[in-house]
Amino acid sequence: MIKLPELLQAWDTPGFAQTFTTTIQQLAIADLPLQQALAHSSHVSDSPRTVVILDSSASDGHIRIKAGIFYAGLIAGSCCADDPSPACEQTEYCEVLFDIDRETAQTMPHLLTP
C-alpha cells in the first residue's frame, strides 16, 4: 500500500487527471503491479511509463481510478545472436485499479489485466 495525499487533494478539481498521471508515472516500479502483468518480457524496464485514466468514481470512503499503463519490459540477452548482453525493450500494457482511501490517502493498486 502506498500513500498518495496529492491525489486526494486534487480529486474533483480540473487538474486531477494531470496530477494523477504525473504521480503514477513517478512511482517506483516496486509500488505498481507491473512485474506481475508482463506478457512479452521478463523484467520491467526503468523507461518512462504512460498512464491513461480509463474510469473514475467516488463513494463515501474511497476514490477508485481505473488506469491503463503502457510501460517497457526487458528481454535480456535476446536481441542479437552474437552478443547475449544487450537488452531489448518490449511494450507492455496493463490495467490497474487504484483504490484511494478518502481519509488516509492510503492507496492500493490492484492489477485488473495480467
Protein backbone atom coordinates (compact mmCIF):
# COMPACT_ATOMS: atom_id res chain seq x y z
CA MET A 1 0.00 0.00 0.00
CA ILE A 2 1.23 3.49 -0.82
CA LYS A 3 0.17 6.88 0.47
CA LEU A 4 -0.74 9.46 -2.18
CA PRO A 5 -2.16 12.57 -0.47
CA GLU A 6 -1.67 14.69 -3.60
CA LEU A 7 -4.33 12.61 -5.36
CA LEU A 8 -6.76 13.10 -2.51
CA GLN A 9 -6.18 16.86 -2.58
CA ALA A 10 -6.57 17.08 -6.36
CA TRP A 11 -9.73 14.96 -6.55
CA ASP A 12 -12.71 16.75 -8.08
CA THR A 13 -10.56 19.57 -9.47
CA PRO A 14 -9.80 20.35 -13.13
CA GLY A 15 -6.16 19.34 -12.58
CA PHE A 16 -6.87 15.86 -11.22
CA ALA A 17 -6.08 13.96 -14.44
CA GLN A 18 -2.69 15.64 -14.78
CA THR A 19 -1.88 15.17 -11.08
CA PHE A 20 -2.87 11.50 -11.26
CA THR A 21 -0.84 10.67 -14.37
CA THR A 22 2.23 12.55 -13.14
CA THR A 23 2.05 10.93 -9.70
CA ILE A 24 1.69 7.39 -11.08
CA GLN A 25 4.47 7.93 -13.64
CA GLN A 26 6.83 8.94 -10.83
CA LEU A 27 6.12 5.97 -8.55
CA ALA A 28 8.81 3.36 -8.07
CA ILE A 29 8.40 0.21 -10.13
CA ALA A 30 8.00 -1.79 -6.91
CA ASP A 31 4.91 0.27 -5.97
CA LEU A 32 2.98 -0.93 -9.02
CA PRO A 33 1.97 -4.45 -10.12
CA LEU A 34 3.86 -4.15 -13.41
CA GLN A 35 6.09 -7.20 -12.99
CA GLN A 36 3.02 -9.44 -12.49
CA ALA A 37 1.47 -8.10 -15.70
CA LEU A 38 4.39 -8.83 -18.04
CA ALA A 39 3.25 -10.74 -21.11
CA HIS A 40 6.10 -10.34 -23.62
CA SER A 41 9.21 -9.88 -21.50
CA SER A 42 10.80 -10.95 -18.24
CA HIS A 43 11.66 -7.75 -16.32
CA VAL A 44 10.20 -4.25 -16.04
CA SER A 45 12.38 -1.53 -17.57
CA ASP A 46 13.15 1.80 -15.91
CA SER A 47 11.90 3.58 -19.04
CA PRO A 48 9.16 6.20 -18.62
CA ARG A 49 5.57 4.98 -18.35
CA THR A 50 2.44 6.36 -19.97
CA VAL A 51 -0.67 6.45 -17.78
CA VAL A 52 -4.21 6.90 -19.11
CA ILE A 53 -7.29 7.26 -16.90
CA LEU A 54 -9.98 4.88 -18.16
CA ASP A 55 -12.63 5.43 -15.47
CA SER A 56 -13.09 7.10 -12.11
CA SER A 57 -15.67 7.01 -9.35
CA ALA A 58 -16.05 8.01 -5.73
CA SER A 59 -18.02 6.76 -2.76
CA ASP A 60 -18.15 7.93 0.84
CA GLY A 61 -14.95 6.12 1.75
CA HIS A 62 -12.94 5.64 -1.44
CA ILE A 63 -11.93 7.09 -4.77
CA ARG A 64 -11.42 4.45 -7.45
CA ILE A 65 -9.41 5.16 -10.57
CA LYS A 66 -9.09 2.59 -13.35
CA ALA A 67 -5.97 3.32 -15.39
CA GLY A 68 -4.19 1.84 -18.35
CA ILE A 69 -0.41 1.80 -18.05
CA PHE A 70 1.92 1.43 -21.02
CA TYR A 71 5.45 0.53 -19.98
CA ALA A 72 8.52 -1.30 -21.23
CA GLY A 73 9.65 -4.78 -20.33
CA LEU A 74 13.10 -6.19 -20.93
CA ILE A 75 14.19 -9.40 -22.59
CA ALA A 76 17.81 -9.60 -21.52
CA GLY A 77 20.29 -11.02 -23.99
CA SER A 78 17.84 -11.82 -26.77
CA CYS A 79 18.47 -9.03 -29.28
CA CYS A 80 21.44 -10.44 -31.13
CA ALA A 81 22.67 -13.98 -31.61
CA ASP A 82 26.31 -12.84 -31.40
CA ASP A 83 26.07 -10.84 -28.17
CA PRO A 84 23.91 -12.07 -25.29
CA SER A 85 24.30 -8.87 -23.25
CA PRO A 86 22.01 -6.31 -24.94
CA ALA A 87 18.56 -5.83 -23.50
CA CYS A 88 15.58 -5.44 -25.83
CA GLU A 89 12.61 -3.42 -24.63
CA GLN A 90 9.11 -4.66 -25.41
CA THR A 91 6.00 -2.54 -24.97
CA GLU A 92 3.74 -3.91 -22.23
CA TYR A 93 0.26 -2.83 -21.11
CA CYS A 94 -1.86 -3.47 -18.08
CA GLU A 95 -4.93 -2.06 -16.37
CA VAL A 96 -4.77 -1.19 -12.70
CA LEU A 97 -7.48 -0.13 -10.26
CA PHE A 98 -6.22 2.42 -7.73
CA ASP A 99 -8.34 2.34 -4.57
CA ILE A 100 -7.69 5.54 -2.59
CA ASP A 101 -8.95 5.88 0.99
CA ARG A 102 -10.59 9.32 1.30
CA GLU A 103 -9.48 9.80 4.91
CA THR A 104 -5.91 8.47 4.96
CA ALA A 105 -4.86 8.70 1.28
CA GLN A 106 -3.67 5.08 1.55
CA THR A 107 -3.75 3.76 -1.99
CA MET A 108 -3.89 0.14 -3.06
CA PRO A 109 -3.16 -0.66 -6.72
CA HIS A 110 -4.97 -3.81 -7.94
CA LEU A 111 -3.94 -5.47 -11.20
CA LEU A 112 -7.02 -5.96 -13.40
CA THR A 113 -5.42 -7.45 -16.51
CA PRO A 114 -2.49 -9.83 -16.49
